[in-house]
Amino acid sequence: NNPCYLLWCNVAEAACGTADWAAVRSRTTGQLRRELPNLYGSSMLFWLPVTGASYSLVPDHLRVLWVSAMSVAWGGFASHVAHRREGEELLATAPAARRPRATPPS
């Protein structure tokens, strides 16, 4: 699921603009090498307790709602992972007037 999500993000973003598929392939393979091991580890650290709580603490009639809410939370985290390098690159190339200013130490 995690590799498919990273692949989907890159393909969908390229399809919405001018698609340079060689760059999409390069970006996707680099992202999979860089992010996938940590994403799998984070997935285990997130979903094992969620599943345990689902069967031990959450009442039967609320279980679907619980898992759905946790899926939204996981989707937000996975989206952050898929786009965090892109955000850092955009910030580094932003004009000086648009960059956030550091507050001087008091």
Protein backbone atom coordinates (compact mmCIF):
# COMPACT_ATOMS: atom_id res chain seq x y z
CA ASN A 1 0.00 0.00 0.00
CA ASN A 2 2.73 2.50 0.93
CA PRO A 3 4.76 2.09 -2.32
CA CYS A 4 1.55 2.39 -4.34
CA TYR A 5 0.67 5.64 -2.56
CA LEU A 6 4.07 7.20 -3.26
CA LEU A 7 3.87 6.10 -6.89
CA TRP A 8 0.32 7.43 -7.23
CA CYS A 9 1.30 10.85 -5.83
CA ASN A 10 4.13 11.27 -8.33
CA VAL A 11 2.13 10.04 -11.33
CA ALA A 12 -0.95 12.11 -10.49
CA GLU A 13 1.09 15.28 -9.98
CA ALA A 14 2.93 14.74 -13.27
CA ALA A 15 -0.30 14.03 -15.15
CA CYS A 16 -1.79 17.32 -13.95
CA GLY A 17 1.11 19.29 -15.42
CA THR A 18 3.45 18.65 -18.27
CA ALA A 19 4.46 15.05 -17.79
CA ASP A 20 8.17 14.35 -18.03
CA TRP A 21 7.87 10.64 -17.36
CA ALA A 22 11.62 10.08 -17.10
CA ALA A 23 11.71 12.64 -14.26
CA VAL A 24 8.66 11.00 -12.65
CA ARG A 25 10.38 7.61 -12.74
CA SER A 26 13.60 9.04 -11.33
CA ARG A 27 11.80 10.97 -8.58
CA THR A 28 9.65 7.96 -7.67
CA THR A 29 12.55 5.50 -7.42
CA GLY A 30 14.57 7.98 -5.37
CA GLN A 31 11.64 8.61 -3.08
CA LEU A 32 10.99 4.89 -2.64
CA ARG A 33 14.63 4.26 -1.71
CA ARG A 34 14.72 7.23 0.65
CA GLU A 35 11.31 7.12 2.32
CA LEU A 36 9.97 3.56 2.12
CA PRO A 37 11.95 1.95 4.98
CA ASN A 38 10.91 4.69 7.42
CA LEU A 39 7.36 4.68 6.11
CA TYR A 40 7.05 0.92 6.70
CA GLY A 41 8.47 1.29 10.22
CA SER A 42 6.11 4.16 10.97
CA SER A 43 3.24 2.11 9.57
CA MET A 44 3.95 -0.71 12.01
CA LEU A 45 4.32 1.70 14.93
CA PHE A 46 0.99 3.31 14.00
CA TRP A 47 -1.21 0.40 12.88
CA LEU A 48 -0.27 -2.23 15.47
CA PRO A 49 -1.50 -0.12 18.44
CA VAL A 50 -4.50 1.12 16.43
CA THR A 51 -5.51 -2.46 15.65
CA GLY A 52 -4.91 -3.56 19.23
CA ALA A 53 -7.04 -0.71 20.56
CA SER A 54 -9.69 -1.47 17.97
CA TYR A 55 -10.24 -4.98 19.27
CA SER A 56 -9.62 -4.39 22.97
CA LEU A 57 -10.95 -0.90 23.75
CA VAL A 58 -13.33 0.25 21.01
CA PRO A 59 -16.93 -1.03 21.21
CA ASP A 60 -18.11 -3.10 18.24
CA HIS A 61 -20.55 -0.49 16.99
CA LEU A 62 -17.79 2.18 16.83
CA ARG A 63 -15.05 0.04 15.31
CA VAL A 64 -15.64 1.06 11.68
CA LEU A 65 -15.67 4.74 12.65
CA TRP A 66 -12.46 4.29 14.67
CA VAL A 67 -10.57 2.58 11.85
CA SER A 68 -11.85 5.14 9.33
CA ALA A 69 -10.65 8.02 11.51
CA MET A 70 -7.26 6.38 11.95
CA SER A 71 -7.05 5.84 8.18
CA VAL A 72 -7.54 9.57 7.65
CA ALA A 73 -4.77 10.29 10.16
CA TRP A 74 -2.45 7.81 8.45
CA GLY A 75 -3.29 9.28 5.03
CA GLY A 76 -2.31 12.72 6.28
CA PHE A 77 1.01 11.42 7.54
CA ALA A 78 1.70 9.50 4.32
CA SER A 79 0.93 12.65 2.32
CA HIS A 80 3.37 14.60 4.47
CA VAL A 81 6.07 12.01 3.79
CA ALA A 82 5.32 11.99 0.06
CA HIS A 83 5.60 15.77 -0.22
CA ARG A 84 8.10 16.87 2.43
CA ARG A 85 11.18 16.90 0.17
CA GLU A 86 9.26 18.89 -2.41
CA GLY A 87 8.31 21.47 0.22
CA GLU A 88 11.90 21.82 1.40
CA GLU A 89 13.09 22.33 -2.20
CA LEU A 90 10.41 24.97 -2.82
CA LEU A 91 11.39 26.82 0.33
CA ALA A 92 15.08 26.75 -0.63
CA THR A 93 14.36 28.19 -4.10
CA ALA A 94 11.80 30.79 -2.97
CA PRO A 95 12.72 34.44 -3.49
CA ALA A 96 14.10 36.11 -0.35
CA ALA A 97 11.02 38.35 -0.03
CA ARG A 98 8.74 35.30 0.21
CA ARG A 99 10.85 33.26 2.63
CA PRO A 100 9.74 33.16 6.25
CA ARG A 101 11.87 35.48 8.32
CA ALA A 102 13.75 34.16 11.27
CA THR A 103 12.93 35.96 14.47
CA PRO A 104 15.96 37.51 16.13
CA PRO A 105 16.94 35.97 19.45
CA SER A 106 15.76 37.94 22.45
